[in-house]
């Protein structure tokens, strides 16, 4: 231990990276179906390593938290602003009720049990499983103008409250959406998900990272045109119109590939290549002739392309409606294979409404994809680089906004640099979705900033908490644990019944998804997806999740501002 202490004193960053590595290792350990997660694991390991009395520059913590919170806002910006419309009004209200009820529960618990600002904020962070509150509350505590010793004590208490309440904070939503609420409502989740998918004309299973669906939705086949084929004498465009969800991609005649045009006439003996959905391909073989292998020398280049939707004329419209209104000349040879929102797969259903910022996955030839892309948005390219001009402006603006202090009912409130960077990220993420030439921050880059920024921040919080954290756990652990049960469960029960009976969110899958999303509870969504067997809950989850992520994060400085009790040194 003496050697470790000397090493960590000489180079504190050794302790930080060891904390992150061990924390994520601990976070992957499964106990039944429960996984602690890398962030909670990092905090706990940090507290243990912090017993050695290691000091890390607080500026590192502040920088990485600002990067984390900006990336969170940037990724959620498009969906947050597009959720603010009358079509999603009931889901938006449900999410806000969840967040507001959670805030009230925390404030009531703090008042009844005499919690100081740090313990109350930690109760919110753990009981509502919003790690960002650790940062926004800690930042607000640092701005109170109290002694450095008191600041450190209350920031330690934030980490303690989070660590004590987090485990049930994660388990509670899983229990509620996958067992308790369906039980009292007498719902069969799987049956209800099948019904919803049937209404929306589809649905598919949610896959784990690294998995893929081996069942193809689009196929390419070659046919030799028989003399009595209905295709003889018709142009490629005429055939495309008859096939609807399939298209002629190539015509091979007399050992040569013809230049394909809308007016190219198909003749008996031609080999034609057709690409289309499996459903269509299985029904058309009799219309052309026997299926044959591709002629030697025939090459058909296809591409999988991801396009971000920025055309506001398409936002809010259903997939089936867009397909039916697009003429054959426009959608020729292009097939929609997947839709993602905020990194999550959505069910590819006819009645699914697409939103600006959605990631649409297409298959087709490069030329056909270029034509469609011009009408939808911009291509996600591996060559994209971060626009550091807008990135710098966003971070600068966020920190300036965080310096503003205002009063609510006489209570001084400041959202701090964390809240400011969150708002800046939301704004610039939305700007990127509507003006793709500006504020580029590729998904891989923003995800790294989000995940690594939070890991570094939480690791430092745990290390700096050190020995005082164990003392605080001994003093307040049981009280916080019981209060955490209430903060976790009460908002979910209140919000569910309010949403069901007042907001009229009565579809079982959507109602449960709103509970999970309003808590920004990813483990609960995973449990719900396992029960449904398809992706039908994701749509309602993404709307409520985007809104909850913002409000729950902002509760940190609100709690610190409203509660006036400081810790006792």
Protein backbone atom coordinates (compact mmCIF):
# COMPACT_ATOMS: atom_id res chain seq x y z
CA UNK A 1 0.00 0.00 0.00
CA UNK A 2 2.91 2.32 0.74
CA UNK A 3 4.23 1.81 -2.79
CA UNK A 4 0.83 2.60 -4.28
CA UNK A 5 0.54 5.71 -2.14
CA UNK A 6 3.93 6.95 -3.36
CA UNK A 7 3.08 6.21 -6.99
CA UNK A 8 -0.32 7.91 -6.80
CA UNK A 9 1.10 10.90 -4.95
CA UNK A 10 3.82 11.33 -7.57
CA UNK A 11 1.36 10.89 -10.45
CA UNK A 12 -2.32 11.14 -9.42
CA UNK A 13 -3.49 10.30 -12.96
CA UNK A 14 -2.32 6.72 -12.34
CA UNK A 15 -4.99 6.44 -9.67
CA UNK A 16 -7.59 7.95 -12.03
CA UNK A 17 -7.03 5.49 -14.87
CA UNK A 18 -6.78 2.55 -12.49
CA UNK A 19 -10.13 3.65 -11.02
CA UNK A 20 -11.75 3.78 -14.46
CA UNK A 21 -10.38 0.39 -15.51
CA UNK A 22 -11.37 -1.39 -12.29
CA UNK A 23 -14.66 0.49 -12.12
CA UNK A 24 -15.79 -0.66 -15.54
CA UNK A 25 -14.61 -4.19 -14.74
CA UNK A 26 -16.72 -4.22 -11.58
CA UNK A 27 -19.58 -2.65 -13.51
CA UNK A 28 -19.71 -5.60 -15.91
CA UNK A 29 -20.19 -8.22 -13.20
CA UNK A 30 -23.67 -9.73 -13.42
CA UNK A 31 -25.65 -10.68 -10.34
CA UNK A 32 -28.66 -12.50 -11.71
CA UNK A 33 -29.93 -10.15 -14.37
CA UNK A 34 -28.57 -7.01 -12.70
CA UNK A 35 -25.45 -5.20 -13.87
CA UNK A 36 -24.11 -2.30 -11.80
CA UNK A 37 -22.76 -0.40 -14.78
CA UNK A 38 -19.41 1.27 -15.42
CA UNK A 39 -20.25 4.67 -13.92
CA UNK A 40 -21.50 3.38 -10.57
CA UNK A 41 -18.62 0.88 -10.51
CA UNK A 42 -16.12 3.68 -11.13
CA UNK A 43 -17.54 5.77 -8.31
CA UNK A 44 -17.37 2.91 -5.82
CA UNK A 45 -13.83 1.92 -6.84
CA UNK A 46 -12.85 5.57 -6.67
CA UNK A 47 -14.04 5.80 -3.06
CA UNK A 48 -11.95 2.72 -2.18
CA UNK A 49 -8.80 4.00 -3.90
CA UNK A 50 -9.45 7.44 -2.43
CA UNK A 51 -8.78 6.01 1.05
CA UNK A 52 -5.09 6.49 0.21
CA UNK A 53 -5.56 10.25 0.39
CA UNK A 54 -4.95 11.17 -3.25
CA UNK A 55 -5.36 14.73 -4.49
CA UNK A 56 -6.30 15.41 -8.14
CA UNK A 57 -6.59 18.90 -9.62
CA UNK A 58 -10.27 19.90 -9.57
CA UNK A 59 -9.85 21.64 -12.92
CA UNK A 60 -9.56 18.26 -14.65
CA UNK A 61 -12.91 17.25 -13.16
CA UNK A 62 -14.58 20.47 -14.32
CA UNK A 63 -13.28 20.19 -17.89
CA UNK A 64 -14.33 16.60 -18.40
CA UNK A 65 -17.77 17.16 -16.90
CA UNK A 66 -18.31 20.11 -19.24
CA UNK A 67 -17.33 17.92 -22.22
CA UNK A 68 -19.65 15.13 -21.03
CA UNK A 69 -22.66 17.35 -20.52
CA UNK A 70 -22.17 19.20 -23.82
CA UNK A 71 -22.07 15.87 -25.68
CA UNK A 72 -25.26 14.73 -23.90
CA UNK A 73 -27.03 17.87 -25.02
CA UNK A 74 -25.66 17.68 -28.55
CA UNK A 75 -26.88 14.11 -29.07
CA UNK A 76 -30.29 14.78 -27.56
CA UNK A 77 -30.84 18.23 -29.06
CA UNK A 78 -32.73 17.24 -32.21
CA UNK A 79 -35.16 14.96 -30.39
CA UNK A 80 -35.60 17.35 -27.45
CA UNK A 81 -36.73 20.26 -29.58
CA UNK A 82 -38.79 18.10 -31.91
CA UNK A 83 -40.54 16.58 -28.89
CA UNK A 84 -41.86 20.05 -28.09
CA UNK A 85 -44.88 19.82 -30.37
CA UNK A 86 -48.57 19.08 -30.05
CA UNK A 87 -48.20 15.53 -31.45
CA UNK A 88 -45.99 14.54 -28.51
CA UNK A 89 -47.64 16.83 -25.96
CA UNK A 90 -49.02 14.08 -23.73
CA UNK A 91 -45.70 12.21 -23.67
CA UNK A 92 -43.87 15.48 -23.03
CA UNK A 93 -46.22 16.21 -20.11
CA UNK A 94 -45.74 12.69 -18.75
CA UNK A 95 -41.96 13.12 -18.73
CA UNK A 96 -42.17 16.49 -16.99
CA UNK A 97 -44.57 15.15 -14.35
CA UNK A 98 -42.10 12.35 -13.63
CA UNK A 99 -39.20 14.79 -13.24
CA UNK A 100 -41.19 17.28 -11.18
CA UNK A 101 -42.59 14.59 -8.87
CA UNK A 102 -39.07 13.28 -8.36
CA UNK A 103 -37.89 16.77 -7.42
CA UNK A 104 -40.76 17.17 -4.93
CA UNK A 105 -39.97 13.81 -3.33
CA UNK A 106 -36.33 14.81 -2.85
CA UNK A 107 -37.22 18.21 -1.38
CA UNK A 108 -39.80 16.65 0.95
CA UNK A 109 -37.33 14.00 2.11
CA UNK A 110 -34.66 16.64 2.74
CA UNK A 111 -37.09 18.75 4.76
CA UNK A 112 -38.46 15.86 6.84
CA UNK A 113 -35.08 14.26 7.60
CA UNK A 114 -32.86 17.32 7.72
CA UNK A 115 -30.62 16.44 4.78
CA UNK A 116 -28.00 18.97 3.77
CA UNK A 117 -27.63 20.20 0.21
CA UNK A 118 -25.09 17.55 -0.73
CA UNK A 119 -27.03 14.57 0.64
CA UNK A 120 -30.24 15.80 -0.98
CA UNK A 121 -28.58 16.19 -4.38
CA UNK A 122 -26.97 12.76 -4.00
CA UNK A 123 -30.39 11.30 -3.14
CA UNK A 124 -31.73 12.79 -6.38
CA UNK A 125 -28.76 11.57 -8.43
CA UNK A 126 -28.99 7.99 -7.13
CA UNK A 127 -32.73 7.65 -6.58
CA UNK A 128 -33.49 9.11 -10.02
CA UNK A 129 -30.36 7.49 -11.55
CA UNK A 130 -29.18 10.70 -13.19
CA UNK A 131 -25.39 10.76 -12.89
CA UNK A 132 -25.17 14.27 -14.32
CA UNK A 133 -26.74 15.67 -11.13
CA UNK A 134 -23.47 14.86 -9.36
CA UNK A 135 -21.78 17.41 -11.57
CA UNK A 136 -24.43 20.13 -11.75
CA UNK A 137 -25.06 19.97 -7.99
CA UNK A 138 -21.34 19.87 -7.18
CA UNK A 139 -20.79 22.90 -9.40
CA UNK A 140 -23.62 24.77 -7.67
CA UNK A 141 -22.20 23.89 -4.23
CA UNK A 142 -18.81 25.29 -5.24
CA UNK A 143 -20.51 28.61 -6.05
CA UNK A 144 -22.21 29.03 -2.66
CA UNK A 145 -19.42 31.15 -1.21
CA UNK A 146 -18.83 28.89 1.80
CA UNK A 147 -15.51 27.58 3.08
CA UNK A 148 -13.51 25.12 0.94
CA UNK A 149 -13.82 22.50 3.68
CA UNK A 150 -17.60 22.78 3.67
CA UNK A 151 -17.69 22.64 -0.13
CA UNK A 152 -15.63 19.44 -0.13
CA UNK A 153 -17.82 17.86 2.56
CA UNK A 154 -21.07 18.54 0.70
CA UNK A 155 -19.61 17.43 -2.64
CA UNK A 156 -18.56 14.22 -0.90
CA UNK A 157 -22.12 13.85 0.39
CA UNK A 158 -23.41 14.11 -3.18
CA UNK A 159 -21.26 11.12 -4.12
CA UNK A 160 -22.35 9.25 -0.99
CA UNK A 161 -26.04 9.76 -1.70
CA UNK A 162 -25.56 8.62 -5.28
CA UNK A 163 -23.63 5.50 -4.29
CA UNK A 164 -26.14 4.46 -1.62
CA UNK A 165 -29.29 5.06 -3.70
CA UNK A 166 -28.10 4.11 -7.17
CA UNK A 167 -28.53 0.31 -7.02
CA UNK A 168 -32.22 0.38 -6.15
CA UNK A 169 -32.57 3.46 -8.34
CA UNK A 170 -31.67 1.20 -11.26
CA UNK A 171 -33.61 -1.85 -10.07
CA UNK A 172 -36.79 0.05 -9.21
CA UNK A 173 -37.77 1.06 -12.77
CA UNK A 174 -36.97 -2.46 -14.01
CA UNK A 175 -39.35 -3.93 -11.43
CA UNK A 176 -42.04 -1.34 -12.17
CA UNK A 177 -42.20 -1.63 -15.96
CA UNK A 178 -41.50 -5.33 -16.35
CA UNK A 179 -43.53 -6.74 -13.43
CA UNK A 180 -45.38 -4.51 -10.95
CA UNK A 181 -47.36 -2.18 -13.23
CA UNK A 182 -48.26 -4.91 -15.78
CA UNK A 183 -49.35 -7.13 -12.87
CA UNK A 184 -51.74 -4.63 -11.28
CA UNK A 185 -53.10 -3.63 -14.71
CA UNK A 186 -53.36 -7.32 -15.73
CA UNK A 187 -51.40 -6.74 -18.94
CA UNK A 188 -49.52 -9.37 -20.91
CA UNK A 189 -46.62 -7.29 -22.21
CA UNK A 190 -45.72 -9.61 -25.07
CA UNK A 191 -49.32 -9.84 -26.32
CA UNK A 192 -49.75 -6.07 -26.10
CA UNK A 193 -46.52 -5.50 -28.02
CA UNK A 194 -47.69 -7.86 -30.78
CA UNK A 195 -50.99 -5.98 -30.98
CA UNK A 196 -49.24 -2.63 -31.24
CA UNK A 197 -46.85 -3.94 -33.88
CA UNK A 198 -49.80 -5.33 -35.84
CA UNK A 199 -51.56 -1.98 -35.73
CA UNK A 200 -48.40 -0.30 -36.96
CA UNK A 201 -47.86 -3.03 -39.57
CA UNK A 202 -44.60 -4.56 -38.37
CA UNK A 203 -42.14 -4.75 -35.50
CA UNK A 204 -38.79 -6.48 -34.98
CA UNK A 205 -36.75 -7.89 -32.12
CA UNK A 206 -34.32 -5.64 -30.27
CA UNK A 207 -30.76 -6.85 -30.73
CA UNK A 208 -27.82 -6.62 -28.36
CA UNK A 209 -24.65 -4.70 -29.33
CA UNK A 210 -22.65 -6.74 -31.83
CA UNK A 211 -25.65 -8.78 -32.97
CA UNK A 212 -27.30 -8.39 -36.36
CA UNK A 213 -30.36 -9.73 -38.09
CA UNK A 214 -29.30 -12.42 -40.56
CA UNK A 215 -32.71 -12.33 -42.23
CA UNK A 216 -32.43 -10.14 -45.31
CA UNK A 217 -35.16 -7.64 -46.11
CA UNK A 218 -33.75 -6.79 -49.57
CA UNK A 219 -32.52 -9.29 -52.17
CA UNK A 220 -31.08 -9.23 -55.71
CA UNK A 221 -31.94 -11.93 -58.27
CA UNK A 222 -31.34 -12.62 -61.97
CA UNK A 223 -33.94 -13.89 -64.45
CA UNK A 224 -33.81 -15.02 -68.06
CA UNK A 225 -36.76 -13.41 -69.86
CA UNK A 226 -39.01 -16.07 -71.36
CA UNK A 227 -40.66 -15.42 -74.77
CA UNK A 228 -44.11 -15.40 -73.19
CA UNK A 229 -43.05 -13.18 -70.26
CA UNK A 230 -45.24 -10.18 -69.51
CA UNK A 231 -42.04 -8.10 -69.30
CA UNK A 232 -41.29 -8.43 -73.04
CA UNK A 233 -41.75 -5.11 -74.81
CA UNK A 234 -41.97 -3.11 -71.61
CA UNK A 235 -39.56 -0.42 -70.48
CA UNK A 236 -37.61 -0.69 -67.26
CA UNK A 237 -39.69 2.17 -65.82
CA UNK A 238 -42.96 0.39 -66.62
CA UNK A 239 -41.71 -2.73 -64.86
CA UNK A 240 -40.62 -0.68 -61.85
CA UNK A 241 -44.11 0.82 -61.54
CA UNK A 242 -45.71 -2.63 -61.63
CA UNK A 243 -43.29 -4.05 -59.06
CA UNK A 244 -43.57 -1.06 -56.67
CA UNK A 245 -41.07 -2.35 -54.07
CA UNK A 246 -38.57 -3.77 -56.55
CA UNK A 247 -36.62 -2.30 -59.46
CA UNK A 248 -34.72 -3.34 -62.59
CA UNK A 249 -31.04 -2.76 -61.86
CA UNK A 250 -29.36 -4.15 -65.00
CA UNK A 251 -30.14 -5.71 -68.39
CA UNK A 252 -27.61 -8.11 -69.94
CA UNK A 253 -28.00 -8.82 -73.70
CA UNK A 254 -25.71 -10.60 -76.18
CA UNK A 255 -22.82 -10.71 -73.71
CA UNK A 256 -23.01 -7.02 -72.87
CA UNK A 257 -24.59 -4.95 -70.13
CA UNK A 258 -26.94 -2.36 -71.61
CA UNK A 259 -26.93 1.23 -70.47
CA UNK A 260 -30.03 1.27 -68.31
CA UNK A 261 -32.49 4.06 -68.94
CA UNK A 262 -36.17 4.51 -68.19
CA UNK A 263 -36.95 3.89 -71.88
CA UNK A 264 -34.82 0.72 -72.27
CA UNK A 265 -37.04 -2.05 -73.75
CA UNK A 266 -36.83 -5.59 -72.35
CA UNK A 267 -36.62 -8.36 -74.95
CA UNK A 268 -37.02 -12.14 -74.81
CA UNK A 269 -33.73 -13.85 -73.90
CA UNK A 270 -32.43 -10.90 -71.88
CA UNK A 271 -30.94 -11.52 -68.47
CA UNK A 272 -32.29 -8.91 -66.11
CA UNK A 273 -31.21 -8.15 -62.56
CA UNK A 274 -33.88 -7.08 -60.10
CA UNK A 275 -33.47 -5.84 -56.54
CA UNK A 276 -36.40 -5.63 -54.17
CA UNK A 277 -37.93 -6.57 -50.86
CA UNK A 278 -38.15 -10.27 -50.08
CA UNK A 279 -41.95 -10.15 -50.07
CA UNK A 280 -42.04 -8.83 -53.63
CA UNK A 281 -39.21 -11.00 -54.95
CA UNK A 282 -40.97 -14.18 -53.84
CA UNK A 283 -44.02 -13.33 -55.95
CA UNK A 284 -42.53 -12.09 -59.23
CA UNK A 285 -40.47 -14.99 -60.57
CA UNK A 286 -43.31 -16.23 -62.73
CA UNK A 287 -43.58 -12.87 -64.42
CA UNK A 288 -40.14 -13.02 -66.02
CA UNK A 289 -38.92 -16.56 -66.50
CA UNK A 290 -36.56 -18.92 -64.78
CA UNK A 291 -34.12 -17.63 -62.18
CA UNK A 292 -30.50 -17.94 -63.33
CA UNK A 293 -27.05 -17.18 -62.02
CA UNK A 294 -25.62 -13.76 -62.82
CA UNK A 295 -23.93 -13.57 -66.25
CA UNK A 296 -20.15 -13.59 -66.20
CA UNK A 297 -18.83 -10.06 -66.25
CA UNK A 298 -21.98 -8.53 -64.77
CA UNK A 299 -21.17 -6.23 -61.85
CA UNK A 300 -23.79 -4.52 -59.71
CA UNK A 301 -22.46 -2.09 -57.12
CA UNK A 302 -24.75 -1.52 -54.14
CA UNK A 303 -24.23 0.62 -51.05
CA UNK A 304 -25.56 0.77 -47.51
CA UNK A 305 -25.94 4.44 -46.62
CA UNK A 306 -27.06 6.25 -43.48
CA UNK A 307 -28.80 9.57 -44.07
CA UNK A 308 -29.78 12.08 -41.37
CA UNK A 309 -33.29 13.46 -41.95
CA UNK A 310 -33.22 17.28 -42.13
CA UNK A 311 -36.05 17.97 -44.61
CA UNK A 312 -38.69 19.54 -42.39
CA UNK A 313 -41.40 18.71 -44.93
CA UNK A 314 -40.89 15.00 -44.09
CA UNK A 315 -40.58 15.40 -40.32
CA UNK A 316 -43.67 14.11 -38.52
CA UNK A 317 -44.89 12.06 -41.49
CA UNK A 318 -45.39 8.30 -41.45
CA UNK A 319 -43.05 5.93 -43.28
CA UNK A 320 -45.87 4.37 -45.27
CA UNK A 321 -47.26 7.77 -46.25
CA UNK A 322 -43.87 8.97 -47.52
CA UNK A 323 -43.41 5.77 -49.51
CA UNK A 324 -46.85 5.98 -51.12
CA UNK A 325 -46.51 9.64 -52.08
CA UNK A 326 -43.02 9.31 -53.60
CA UNK A 327 -43.19 8.47 -57.29
CA UNK A 328 -41.37 5.51 -58.79
CA UNK A 329 -38.84 7.74 -60.53
CA UNK A 330 -37.76 9.08 -57.12
CA UNK A 331 -37.62 5.86 -55.09
CA UNK A 332 -36.41 3.57 -57.89
CA UNK A 333 -33.84 1.09 -56.56
CA UNK A 334 -33.70 2.55 -53.03
CA UNK A 335 -34.89 0.56 -50.00
CA UNK A 336 -35.29 1.68 -46.41
CA UNK A 337 -33.80 -1.00 -44.14
CA UNK A 338 -33.62 0.62 -40.68
CA UNK A 339 -34.34 3.78 -38.71
CA UNK A 340 -32.45 4.94 -35.62
CA UNK A 341 -33.27 7.72 -33.18
CA UNK A 342 -30.72 8.89 -30.60
CA UNK A 343 -28.70 5.76 -31.39
CA UNK A 344 -31.61 3.36 -30.79
CA UNK A 345 -33.24 1.16 -33.42
CA UNK A 346 -36.86 2.04 -34.09
CA UNK A 347 -39.42 -0.48 -35.36
CA UNK A 348 -39.57 -0.19 -39.15
CA UNK A 349 -43.34 0.21 -39.36
CA UNK A 350 -45.61 1.87 -41.88
CA UNK A 351 -47.17 4.11 -39.21
CA UNK A 352 -43.89 5.12 -37.60
CA UNK A 353 -43.49 8.90 -37.69
CA UNK A 354 -40.00 10.02 -38.66
CA UNK A 355 -38.49 13.09 -37.01
CA UNK A 356 -35.76 15.54 -37.98
CA UNK A 357 -32.46 14.12 -36.76
CA UNK A 358 -33.50 10.49 -37.34
CA UNK A 359 -30.88 8.24 -38.93
CA UNK A 360 -32.37 6.49 -41.98
CA UNK A 361 -30.54 3.45 -43.36
CA UNK A 362 -30.93 2.74 -47.08
CA UNK A 363 -29.70 0.13 -49.54
CA UNK A 364 -29.32 0.90 -53.25
CA UNK A 365 -26.93 1.90 -56.00
CA UNK A 366 -24.79 4.99 -55.31
CA UNK A 367 -26.55 6.96 -58.06
CA UNK A 368 -30.02 6.12 -56.79
CA UNK A 369 -29.01 6.91 -53.21
CA UNK A 370 -27.62 10.29 -54.28
CA UNK A 371 -31.01 11.15 -55.79
CA UNK A 372 -32.92 10.22 -52.65
CA UNK A 373 -30.37 11.78 -50.30
CA UNK A 374 -30.91 15.19 -51.91
CA UNK A 375 -34.57 15.04 -50.86
CA UNK A 376 -33.97 13.78 -47.30
CA UNK A 377 -30.88 15.27 -45.69
CA UNK A 378 -27.19 14.57 -45.46
CA UNK A 379 -25.05 11.48 -45.51
CA UNK A 380 -23.21 10.22 -42.43
CA UNK A 381 -19.64 9.95 -43.63
CA UNK A 382 -16.65 8.31 -41.98
CA UNK A 383 -14.67 11.27 -43.26
CA UNK A 384 -16.64 13.72 -41.13
CA UNK A 385 -14.55 15.77 -38.78
CA UNK A 386 -15.47 17.87 -35.77
CA UNK A 387 -16.24 21.52 -36.45
CA UNK A 388 -14.01 22.93 -33.71
CA UNK A 389 -15.14 26.49 -34.43
CA UNK A 390 -18.71 25.75 -33.38
CA UNK A 391 -17.54 23.32 -30.70
CA UNK A 392 -15.46 26.06 -29.10
CA UNK A 393 -18.28 28.60 -29.44
CA UNK A 394 -20.73 26.13 -27.89
CA UNK A 395 -18.52 25.43 -24.88
CA UNK A 396 -17.76 29.15 -24.44
CA UNK A 397 -21.44 30.11 -24.65
CA UNK A 398 -22.47 27.35 -22.26
CA UNK A 399 -19.99 28.42 -19.59
CA UNK A 400 -21.04 32.07 -19.94
CA UNK A 401 -24.71 31.12 -19.51
CA UNK A 402 -23.72 29.06 -16.47
CA UNK A 403 -22.34 32.18 -14.81
CA UNK A 404 -25.75 33.89 -14.82
CA UNK A 405 -27.49 33.92 -11.45
CA UNK A 406 -31.21 34.60 -10.99
CA UNK A 407 -33.81 34.25 -8.25
CA UNK A 408 -36.97 32.15 -8.02
CA UNK A 409 -39.22 33.18 -5.10
CA UNK A 410 -36.21 34.86 -3.58
CA UNK A 411 -34.03 31.76 -3.89
CA UNK A 412 -30.77 32.39 -5.81
CA UNK A 413 -30.42 29.90 -8.65
CA UNK A 414 -27.55 29.38 -11.07
CA UNK A 415 -27.41 26.44 -13.47
CA UNK A 416 -23.61 26.56 -13.46
CA UNK A 417 -21.23 25.58 -16.24
CA UNK A 418 -22.74 22.08 -16.40
CA UNK A 419 -26.27 23.31 -17.02
CA UNK A 420 -25.01 25.99 -19.39
CA UNK A 421 -23.05 23.48 -21.48
CA UNK A 422 -26.07 21.19 -21.53
CA UNK A 423 -28.25 23.97 -22.98
CA UNK A 424 -25.52 24.92 -25.46
CA UNK A 425 -25.21 21.29 -26.55
CA UNK A 426 -28.97 21.06 -27.05
CA UNK A 427 -28.98 24.20 -29.18
CA UNK A 428 -25.99 23.21 -31.32
CA UNK A 429 -27.24 19.64 -31.71
CA UNK A 430 -30.54 21.00 -33.01
CA UNK A 431 -28.68 23.47 -35.25
CA UNK A 432 -26.70 20.59 -36.73
CA UNK A 433 -29.91 18.67 -37.50
CA UNK A 434 -31.47 21.55 -39.47
CA UNK A 435 -28.30 23.04 -40.97
CA UNK A 436 -25.96 20.08 -41.58
CA UNK A 437 -23.15 22.30 -42.84
CA UNK A 438 -22.58 23.69 -39.36
CA UNK A 439 -21.54 22.41 -35.93
CA UNK A 440 -20.36 18.95 -37.04
CA UNK A 441 -19.62 16.59 -34.15
CA UNK A 442 -19.61 12.99 -35.48
CA UNK A 443 -21.51 10.41 -33.47
CA UNK A 444 -18.32 8.52 -32.57
CA UNK A 445 -16.68 11.71 -31.28
CA UNK A 446 -19.70 12.84 -29.27
CA UNK A 447 -20.17 9.36 -27.79
CA UNK A 448 -16.53 9.28 -26.70
CA UNK A 449 -16.79 12.72 -25.10
CA UNK A 450 -19.97 11.66 -23.30
CA UNK A 451 -18.73 8.31 -21.99
CA UNK A 452 -15.12 9.16 -21.22
CA UNK A 453 -15.97 12.60 -19.85
CA UNK A 454 -18.42 11.12 -17.35
CA UNK A 455 -16.03 8.28 -16.44
CA UNK A 456 -13.21 10.72 -15.65
CA UNK A 457 -15.50 13.05 -13.73
CA UNK A 458 -17.06 10.31 -11.60
CA UNK A 459 -13.67 8.68 -11.01
CA UNK A 460 -12.27 11.95 -9.63
CA UNK A 461 -15.38 12.51 -7.51
CA UNK A 462 -14.92 9.08 -5.93
CA UNK A 463 -11.19 9.50 -5.35
CA UNK A 464 -11.58 12.97 -3.85
CA UNK A 465 -14.41 11.78 -1.56
CA UNK A 466 -11.91 9.46 0.12
CA UNK A 467 -12.22 8.62 3.85
CA UNK A 468 -15.05 11.12 4.55
CA UNK A 469 -17.28 9.10 2.22
CA UNK A 470 -17.14 6.04 4.50
CA UNK A 471 -17.96 8.18 7.52
CA UNK A 472 -20.96 9.69 5.73
CA UNK A 473 -22.19 6.26 4.67
CA UNK A 474 -21.99 5.07 8.29
CA UNK A 475 -23.91 8.12 9.50
CA UNK A 476 -26.57 8.43 6.81
CA UNK A 477 -26.47 5.18 4.83
CA UNK A 478 -29.64 3.50 6.12
CA UNK A 479 -31.67 6.72 6.03
CA UNK A 480 -30.56 7.47 2.48
CA UNK A 481 -31.27 3.91 1.39
CA UNK A 482 -34.87 4.04 2.64
CA UNK A 483 -35.42 7.51 1.24
CA UNK A 484 -34.01 6.30 -2.06
CA UNK A 485 -36.75 3.66 -2.22
CA UNK A 486 -39.36 6.40 -2.00
CA UNK A 487 -37.67 8.73 -4.48
CA UNK A 488 -37.35 5.83 -6.93
CA UNK A 489 -40.86 4.37 -6.62
CA UNK A 490 -43.27 7.21 -5.81
CA UNK A 491 -42.69 9.32 -8.98
CA UNK A 492 -43.16 6.26 -11.19
CA UNK A 493 -46.46 5.24 -9.57
CA UNK A 494 -47.84 8.81 -9.57
CA UNK A 495 -46.76 9.47 -13.15
CA UNK A 496 -48.07 6.17 -14.49
CA UNK A 497 -51.60 6.67 -13.18
CA UNK A 498 -51.63 10.37 -14.06
CA UNK A 499 -50.50 9.55 -17.61
CA UNK A 500 -53.00 6.70 -17.93
CA UNK A 501 -56.12 8.41 -16.57
CA UNK A 502 -55.45 12.13 -17.22
CA UNK A 503 -53.12 12.28 -20.22
CA UNK A 504 -54.87 9.26 -21.77
CA UNK A 505 -51.68 7.39 -22.60
CA UNK A 506 -53.52 4.08 -22.43
CA UNK A 507 -51.67 1.84 -24.81
CA UNK A 508 -49.85 -0.50 -22.38
CA UNK A 509 -46.53 -0.45 -24.24
CA UNK A 510 -46.47 3.32 -24.65
CA UNK A 511 -47.52 3.86 -21.03
CA UNK A 512 -44.70 1.66 -19.71
CA UNK A 513 -42.18 3.19 -22.11
CA UNK A 514 -43.10 6.67 -20.82
CA UNK A 515 -42.35 5.52 -17.27
CA UNK A 516 -38.90 4.23 -18.30
CA UNK A 517 -38.13 7.26 -20.47
CA UNK A 518 -39.34 9.79 -17.90
CA UNK A 519 -36.75 8.34 -15.53
CA UNK A 520 -34.09 8.25 -18.30
CA UNK A 521 -33.76 4.63 -17.21
CA UNK A 522 -31.91 2.66 -19.87
CA UNK A 523 -31.90 -0.60 -17.83
CA UNK A 524 -35.70 -0.38 -17.58
CA UNK A 525 -35.98 0.02 -21.34
CA UNK A 526 -33.75 -3.03 -21.83
CA UNK A 527 -35.99 -5.05 -19.50
CA UNK A 528 -39.12 -3.85 -21.29
CA UNK A 529 -37.66 -4.73 -24.70
CA UNK A 530 -36.85 -8.21 -23.42
CA UNK A 531 -40.51 -8.62 -22.44
CA UNK A 532 -41.99 -7.19 -25.64
CA UNK A 533 -39.69 -9.03 -28.04
CA UNK A 534 -39.86 -6.12 -30.49
CA UNK A 535 -38.90 -2.45 -30.63
CA UNK A 536 -42.37 -0.93 -30.17
CA UNK A 537 -41.50 0.78 -26.82
CA UNK A 538 -38.58 2.73 -28.29
CA UNK A 539 -40.57 5.54 -29.92
CA UNK A 540 -42.30 6.73 -26.72
CA UNK A 541 -39.11 6.13 -24.73
CA UNK A 542 -36.97 8.42 -26.91
CA UNK A 543 -39.39 11.37 -26.58
CA UNK A 544 -39.64 11.13 -22.79
CA UNK A 545 -35.95 10.26 -22.38
CA UNK A 546 -34.79 13.36 -24.26
CA UNK A 547 -36.95 15.65 -22.10
CA UNK A 548 -36.12 13.89 -18.80
CA UNK A 549 -32.39 14.04 -19.48
CA UNK A 550 -32.58 17.84 -19.56
CA UNK A 551 -34.84 18.46 -16.56
CA UNK A 552 -33.25 15.88 -14.26
CA UNK A 553 -29.81 17.32 -14.99
CA UNK A 554 -31.03 20.83 -14.17
CA UNK A 555 -32.45 19.68 -10.81
CA UNK A 556 -28.91 19.67 -9.36
CA UNK A 557 -28.56 23.46 -8.95
CA UNK A 558 -32.28 23.79 -8.19
CA UNK A 559 -31.97 21.44 -5.20
CA UNK A 560 -28.82 23.19 -3.97
CA UNK A 561 -30.57 26.56 -4.31
CA UNK A 562 -33.84 25.62 -2.59
CA UNK A 563 -32.37 23.64 0.31
CA UNK A 564 -30.59 25.97 2.70
CA UNK A 565 -29.07 23.52 5.16
CA UNK A 566 -25.32 23.02 4.89
CA UNK A 567 -23.38 20.03 6.15
CA UNK A 568 -21.93 20.06 9.66
CA UNK A 569 -18.13 19.93 9.69
